[in-house]
Amino acid sequence: MHEVNLRAVDLNLLVVLEALLEERSVTRAAERLHMSQPAVSRALQRLRDTFDDLLIARSGTHYTLTPRAEHLQVELTWVLKNIRQMVQAPKFDPLRTRQVVRMAGPDVEVCQLVPELLAHLQHAAPTLQVELDSRPSDYFSALVNGDIHFVISGLAPSQQDDQLHRIFLESTEVGLMMGAAHPLASQSIDLEAYLTARHGYISLTGRGPAFADAALKAMGKKRNTVLRLTSFASVADYCERSDLVFMLPKSIVEHVGKQRDVVFRPVPEELRAPELNFYLYWHQRNHRDPMHRWLREVVQSLVV
């Protein structure tokens, strides 16, 4: 038995064959398919050539199926049903889904933005499983590699950003966090005073300098950094118990510094930058996925 070359077969003819076998009439099949009768007649002839069988034959005043056609009809119903299911966009029912969505981002950013989302999901999608990863990491690489579905970040991806989509979450100014007893806590801080202070900074990946160091290097200056952390969670502890100064988004300071003996001060004019924007990022591979699309719509409704 030789192998059939599907490239030589017009698979569109299967839809015509389905109509012909069910209607047992060229005229009725043409009406059903919104085709002309001659076009269906030509298709029938091509089908007869393809299957090397008459398929439907006149018997008195009506048509009957050949034994081959009766066998094909059973197979065709199953084949076309599966093709239609394969082509049709999958449906997503948030009330029934047990899918898993994996999100990642710095601990404080996740804590600020995700609880409200989870509060909504407990009613809208009670069995949707959410996995949160706030361990210091290169979140964007994990997103590109498919290890996670969403990233919450105020940082911009360093590479392959043409593969990523995003929606805006919130914006916040950047300033300085220090203990309330710090000598700079009650005065205006210029660049000279800033450079005399001792500094800590957050590096989520554990590598590379902070934004302030890059900006100062361009001015030919350098600050005294003595501590690098990979998490925001303990920043208030260091500020309260030492003379360290951290440059942080105000929204994060308000979160980690709540009911703590710390203050938030403006950065020197030379280091002042536009407000920091936080986004929800996802990869283009999931852009049209029904579950991901629904979840993004929920997030957008919460941040409007």
Protein backbone atom coordinates (compact mmCIF):
# COMPACT_ATOMS: atom_id res chain seq x y z
CA MET A 1 0.00 0.00 0.00
CA HIS A 2 1.60 3.22 -1.14
CA GLU A 3 1.66 6.34 1.03
CA VAL A 4 -0.72 9.12 0.00
CA ASN A 5 0.89 12.45 -0.81
CA LEU A 6 -1.35 14.92 1.02
CA ARG A 7 0.25 17.83 -0.85
CA ALA A 8 -1.44 16.51 -3.98
CA VAL A 9 -4.86 16.40 -2.27
CA ASP A 10 -7.08 19.47 -1.98
CA LEU A 11 -8.29 19.13 1.60
CA ASN A 12 -10.92 21.82 0.98
CA LEU A 13 -12.78 19.16 -0.98
CA LEU A 14 -13.51 17.31 2.27
CA VAL A 15 -16.00 20.01 3.27
CA VAL A 16 -17.76 19.58 -0.08
CA LEU A 17 -17.70 15.83 0.34
CA GLU A 18 -19.32 16.13 3.78
CA ALA A 19 -22.17 18.18 2.32
CA LEU A 20 -22.63 15.82 -0.64
CA LEU A 21 -22.74 12.71 1.53
CA GLU A 22 -25.23 14.25 3.95
CA GLU A 23 -27.46 15.94 1.38
CA ARG A 24 -27.09 13.26 -1.34
CA SER A 25 -27.80 15.98 -3.86
CA VAL A 26 -25.53 18.31 -5.82
CA THR A 27 -28.22 21.00 -5.77
CA ARG A 28 -28.84 20.88 -2.01
CA ALA A 29 -25.10 20.64 -1.28
CA ALA A 30 -24.50 23.75 -3.41
CA GLU A 31 -27.21 25.66 -1.52
CA ARG A 32 -25.77 24.59 1.83
CA LEU A 33 -22.23 25.61 0.88
CA HIS A 34 -23.31 28.82 -0.88
CA MET A 35 -21.62 27.59 -4.05
CA SER A 36 -22.88 27.31 -7.60
CA GLN A 37 -24.17 23.94 -8.77
CA PRO A 38 -21.53 23.65 -11.53
CA ALA A 39 -18.78 24.32 -8.97
CA VAL A 40 -20.07 21.52 -6.73
CA SER A 41 -20.37 19.21 -9.74
CA ARG A 42 -16.73 19.88 -10.62
CA ALA A 43 -15.73 19.26 -7.02
CA LEU A 44 -17.61 15.96 -7.05
CA GLN A 45 -15.70 14.86 -10.12
CA ARG A 46 -12.39 15.72 -8.45
CA LEU A 47 -13.48 13.77 -5.36
CA ARG A 48 -14.32 10.76 -7.52
CA ASP A 49 -10.85 10.97 -9.06
CA THR A 50 -9.20 11.33 -5.65
CA PHE A 51 -10.98 8.36 -4.08
CA ASP A 52 -11.28 6.37 -7.31
CA ASP A 53 -14.93 5.77 -6.52
CA LEU A 54 -18.31 7.04 -7.73
CA LEU A 55 -19.22 8.06 -4.14
CA ILE A 56 -22.84 8.96 -4.91
CA ALA A 57 -24.87 7.33 -7.68
CA ARG A 58 -28.32 7.96 -9.09
CA SER A 59 -30.85 5.34 -8.10
CA GLY A 60 -34.17 6.07 -9.74
CA THR A 61 -35.17 9.60 -8.77
CA HIS A 62 -32.65 10.00 -5.98
CA TYR A 63 -28.99 9.39 -5.15
CA THR A 64 -27.50 6.69 -2.93
CA LEU A 65 -24.05 6.30 -1.38
CA THR A 66 -21.60 3.70 -2.54
CA PRO A 67 -20.12 1.35 0.10
CA ARG A 68 -16.90 3.39 -0.01
CA ALA A 69 -18.87 6.60 0.57
CA GLU A 70 -20.72 5.09 3.54
CA HIS A 71 -17.38 4.21 5.12
CA LEU A 72 -15.96 7.67 4.32
CA GLN A 73 -18.95 9.39 5.89
CA VAL A 74 -18.23 7.82 9.27
CA GLU A 75 -14.54 8.70 9.08
CA LEU A 76 -15.20 12.18 7.69
CA THR A 77 -17.50 13.16 10.55
CA TRP A 78 -14.75 12.37 13.06
CA VAL A 79 -11.94 13.97 11.02
CA LEU A 80 -13.73 17.27 10.34
CA LYS A 81 -14.95 17.53 13.93
CA ASN A 82 -11.37 17.28 15.17
CA ILE A 83 -10.10 19.74 12.57
CA ARG A 84 -12.79 22.25 13.54
CA GLN A 85 -11.90 21.86 17.23
CA MET A 86 -8.23 22.29 16.40
CA VAL A 87 -8.82 25.48 14.40
CA GLN A 88 -11.41 26.97 16.75
CA ALA A 89 -10.02 29.29 19.43
CA PRO A 90 -10.00 27.52 22.81
CA LYS A 91 -12.59 28.74 25.28
CA PHE A 92 -11.68 29.94 28.76
CA ASP A 93 -14.08 29.65 31.67
CA PRO A 94 -12.60 31.49 34.69
CA LEU A 95 -15.09 29.87 37.06
CA ARG A 96 -13.97 26.36 36.13
CA THR A 97 -10.33 26.71 35.11
CA ARG A 98 -7.60 24.95 37.05
CA GLN A 99 -4.81 26.45 35.00
CA VAL A 100 -1.65 27.73 36.66
CA VAL A 101 -0.37 31.26 36.07
CA ARG A 102 3.19 32.00 37.14
CA MET A 103 4.09 35.59 38.06
CA ALA A 104 7.40 37.04 39.21
CA GLY A 105 8.79 40.33 40.42
CA PRO A 106 10.57 41.97 43.35
CA ASP A 107 8.98 41.11 46.67
CA VAL A 108 7.71 44.58 47.52
CA GLU A 109 6.35 45.29 44.03
CA VAL A 110 4.52 41.97 44.04
CA CYS A 111 3.14 42.61 47.54
CA GLN A 112 1.83 46.01 46.52
CA LEU A 113 0.10 44.96 43.33
CA VAL A 114 -0.90 41.30 43.59
CA PRO A 115 -3.10 41.12 46.74
CA GLU A 116 -5.85 43.19 45.10
CA LEU A 117 -5.67 40.92 42.05
CA LEU A 118 -5.97 37.81 44.23
CA ALA A 119 -8.92 39.32 46.07
CA HIS A 120 -10.69 39.67 42.73
CA LEU A 121 -9.70 36.18 41.55
CA GLN A 122 -11.10 34.44 44.63
CA HIS A 123 -14.56 35.21 43.25
CA ALA A 124 -13.98 35.49 39.50
CA ALA A 125 -11.66 32.47 39.14
CA PRO A 126 -11.69 30.54 42.44
CA THR A 127 -9.76 27.51 41.13
CA LEU A 128 -7.19 29.42 39.07
CA GLN A 129 -3.79 28.64 40.60
CA VAL A 130 -1.32 31.51 41.00
CA GLU A 131 2.38 30.98 41.66
CA LEU A 132 4.39 34.02 42.78
CA ASP A 133 8.17 34.13 42.66
CA SER A 134 9.88 37.10 44.27
CA ARG A 135 13.34 35.61 44.62
CA PRO A 136 16.06 37.89 43.22
CA SER A 137 16.48 36.87 39.61
CA ASP A 138 16.70 37.98 36.01
CA TYR A 139 12.93 37.98 35.60
CA PHE A 140 12.94 39.01 31.96
CA SER A 141 15.16 36.10 30.95
CA ALA A 142 12.77 33.75 32.74
CA LEU A 143 9.89 35.37 30.85
CA VAL A 144 11.60 34.98 27.47
CA ASN A 145 12.52 31.36 28.29
CA GLY A 146 8.92 30.51 29.16
CA ASP A 147 9.57 29.74 32.85
CA ILE A 148 7.01 32.35 33.94
CA HIS A 149 3.97 34.02 32.37
CA PHE A 150 4.07 37.55 33.78
CA VAL A 151 6.66 39.93 35.26
CA ILE A 152 5.83 42.93 37.44
CA SER A 153 8.68 45.40 37.23
CA GLY A 154 9.72 49.02 37.23
CA LEU A 155 12.82 48.08 35.27
CA ALA A 156 12.98 47.85 31.50
CA PRO A 157 14.08 44.64 29.75
CA SER A 158 17.67 44.88 28.55
CA GLN A 159 17.21 42.64 25.52
CA GLN A 160 14.62 40.96 23.28
CA ASP A 161 12.07 43.60 24.26
CA ASP A 162 10.54 43.25 20.79
CA GLN A 163 9.12 39.91 22.01
CA LEU A 164 7.46 41.43 25.08
CA HIS A 165 4.17 43.23 25.63
CA ARG A 166 3.22 45.32 28.64
CA ILE A 167 0.45 47.29 30.34
CA PHE A 168 0.95 50.21 32.70
CA LEU A 169 0.33 49.61 36.41
CA GLU A 170 1.43 52.74 38.27
CA SER A 171 4.03 55.49 38.43
CA THR A 172 6.00 56.86 41.38
CA GLU A 173 8.76 59.34 42.02
CA VAL A 174 12.22 58.23 43.11
CA GLY A 175 13.78 59.62 46.27
CA LEU A 176 16.05 58.88 49.22
CA MET A 177 15.18 56.73 52.22
CA MET A 178 17.12 57.05 55.46
CA GLY A 179 16.61 56.78 59.21
CA ALA A 180 14.77 59.64 60.87
CA ALA A 181 17.88 60.34 62.99
CA HIS A 182 20.15 60.62 59.95
CA PRO A 183 22.01 63.98 59.75
CA LEU A 184 20.54 64.58 56.28
CA ALA A 185 16.97 63.74 57.29
CA SER A 186 16.00 67.30 58.19
CA GLN A 187 17.85 69.30 55.54
CA SER A 188 17.88 69.93 51.83
CA ILE A 189 20.22 67.44 50.19
CA ASP A 190 22.45 68.74 47.43
CA LEU A 191 24.88 66.65 45.39
CA GLU A 192 27.82 67.39 47.68
CA ALA A 193 25.90 66.29 50.77
CA TYR A 194 24.68 63.21 48.90
CA LEU A 195 28.24 62.20 47.99
CA THR A 196 29.45 62.49 51.58
CA ALA A 197 26.82 60.00 52.79
CA ARG A 198 27.21 56.24 52.97
CA HIS A 199 24.94 54.38 50.58
CA GLY A 200 23.23 51.06 50.12
CA TYR A 201 21.41 49.91 47.00
CA ILE A 202 19.21 47.11 45.72
CA SER A 203 20.41 44.83 42.93
CA LEU A 204 17.67 42.35 42.09
CA THR A 205 19.98 40.16 40.02
CA GLY A 206 22.90 40.51 42.42
CA ARG A 207 25.00 41.97 39.62
CA GLY A 208 25.84 45.35 38.19
CA PRO A 209 25.81 48.93 39.52
CA ALA A 210 22.72 50.94 40.44
CA PHE A 211 21.21 53.71 38.32
CA ALA A 212 22.73 56.40 40.55
CA ASP A 213 26.26 55.00 40.07
CA ALA A 214 25.92 55.10 36.28
CA ALA A 215 24.62 58.69 36.41
CA LEU A 216 27.43 59.79 38.72
CA LYS A 217 30.06 58.10 36.56
CA ALA A 218 28.88 60.19 33.62
CA MET A 219 29.58 63.29 35.77
CA GLY A 220 33.00 61.98 36.76
CA LYS A 221 31.87 61.41 40.33
CA LYS A 222 31.45 58.43 42.62
CA ARG A 223 29.47 57.79 45.80
CA ASN A 224 30.47 55.68 48.79
CA THR A 225 28.45 52.45 48.50
CA VAL A 226 28.97 50.04 51.37
CA LEU A 227 26.01 47.66 51.08
CA ARG A 228 24.27 45.84 48.25
CA LEU A 229 20.99 44.00 48.89
CA THR A 230 18.95 41.73 46.64
CA SER A 231 15.61 42.44 48.32
CA PHE A 232 13.61 45.47 49.44
CA ALA A 233 12.18 43.74 52.50
CA SER A 234 14.96 44.60 54.99
CA VAL A 235 15.80 48.13 53.81
CA ALA A 236 13.97 49.84 56.68
CA ASP A 237 15.96 47.80 59.21
CA TYR A 238 19.26 49.02 57.79
CA CYS A 239 18.06 52.63 57.61
CA GLU A 240 16.86 52.63 61.22
CA ARG A 241 20.03 51.07 62.60
CA SER A 242 22.71 52.72 60.48
CA ASP A 243 23.54 55.90 58.59
CA LEU A 244 22.89 54.31 55.19
CA VAL A 245 20.93 56.08 52.47
CA PHE A 246 18.97 54.21 49.78
CA MET A 247 17.60 55.61 46.53
CA LEU A 248 14.18 53.98 46.06
CA PRO A 249 10.76 54.47 44.43
CA LYS A 250 8.45 56.36 46.77
CA SER A 251 5.74 53.68 46.56
CA ILE A 252 8.22 51.10 47.85
CA VAL A 253 9.40 53.40 50.64
CA GLU A 254 5.79 53.90 51.74
CA HIS A 255 5.34 50.13 51.85
CA VAL A 256 8.53 49.00 53.60
CA GLY A 257 8.76 52.13 55.76
CA LYS A 258 5.23 52.00 57.13
CA GLN A 259 5.32 52.52 60.91
CA ARG A 260 9.12 52.56 60.77
CA ASP A 261 11.47 55.33 61.94
CA VAL A 262 12.50 56.38 58.43
CA VAL A 263 12.00 59.38 56.17
CA PHE A 264 11.76 60.00 52.44
CA ARG A 265 13.72 62.92 50.98
CA PRO A 266 14.08 64.28 47.42
CA VAL A 267 17.20 63.34 45.47
CA PRO A 268 19.67 66.05 44.44
CA GLU A 269 18.63 67.96 41.34
CA GLU A 270 21.48 66.47 39.31
CA LEU A 271 20.17 62.94 39.88
CA ARG A 272 16.49 63.71 39.52
CA ALA A 273 14.75 61.57 36.90
CA PRO A 274 11.21 61.28 35.55
CA GLU A 275 8.76 59.22 37.58
CA LEU A 276 9.38 55.50 37.57
CA ASN A 277 6.71 53.48 35.79
CA PHE A 278 5.73 49.95 36.79
CA TYR A 279 4.41 47.56 34.16
CA LEU A 280 3.01 44.06 33.81
CA TYR A 281 5.05 42.29 31.11
CA TRP A 282 4.27 39.13 29.15
CA HIS A 283 5.78 37.31 26.16
CA GLN A 284 4.23 37.38 22.71
CA ARG A 285 3.80 33.58 22.79
CA ASN A 286 0.96 34.10 25.30
CA HIS A 287 -0.49 37.27 23.79
CA ARG A 288 -3.54 35.57 22.26
CA ASP A 289 -4.00 32.85 24.85
CA PRO A 290 -7.56 33.18 26.27
CA MET A 291 -6.56 32.75 29.92
CA HIS A 292 -3.73 35.27 29.68
CA ARG A 293 -5.92 37.73 27.78
CA TRP A 294 -8.64 37.47 30.44
CA LEU A 295 -6.16 37.97 33.28
CA ARG A 296 -4.68 41.05 31.59
CA GLU A 297 -8.16 42.53 31.24
CA VAL A 298 -8.73 41.93 34.96
CA VAL A 299 -5.45 43.68 35.82
CA GLN A 300 -6.31 46.64 33.60
CA SER A 301 -9.72 46.98 35.24
CA LEU A 302 -8.03 47.13 38.66
CA VAL A 303 -5.50 49.84 37.77
CA VAL A 304 -7.83 52.18 35.86
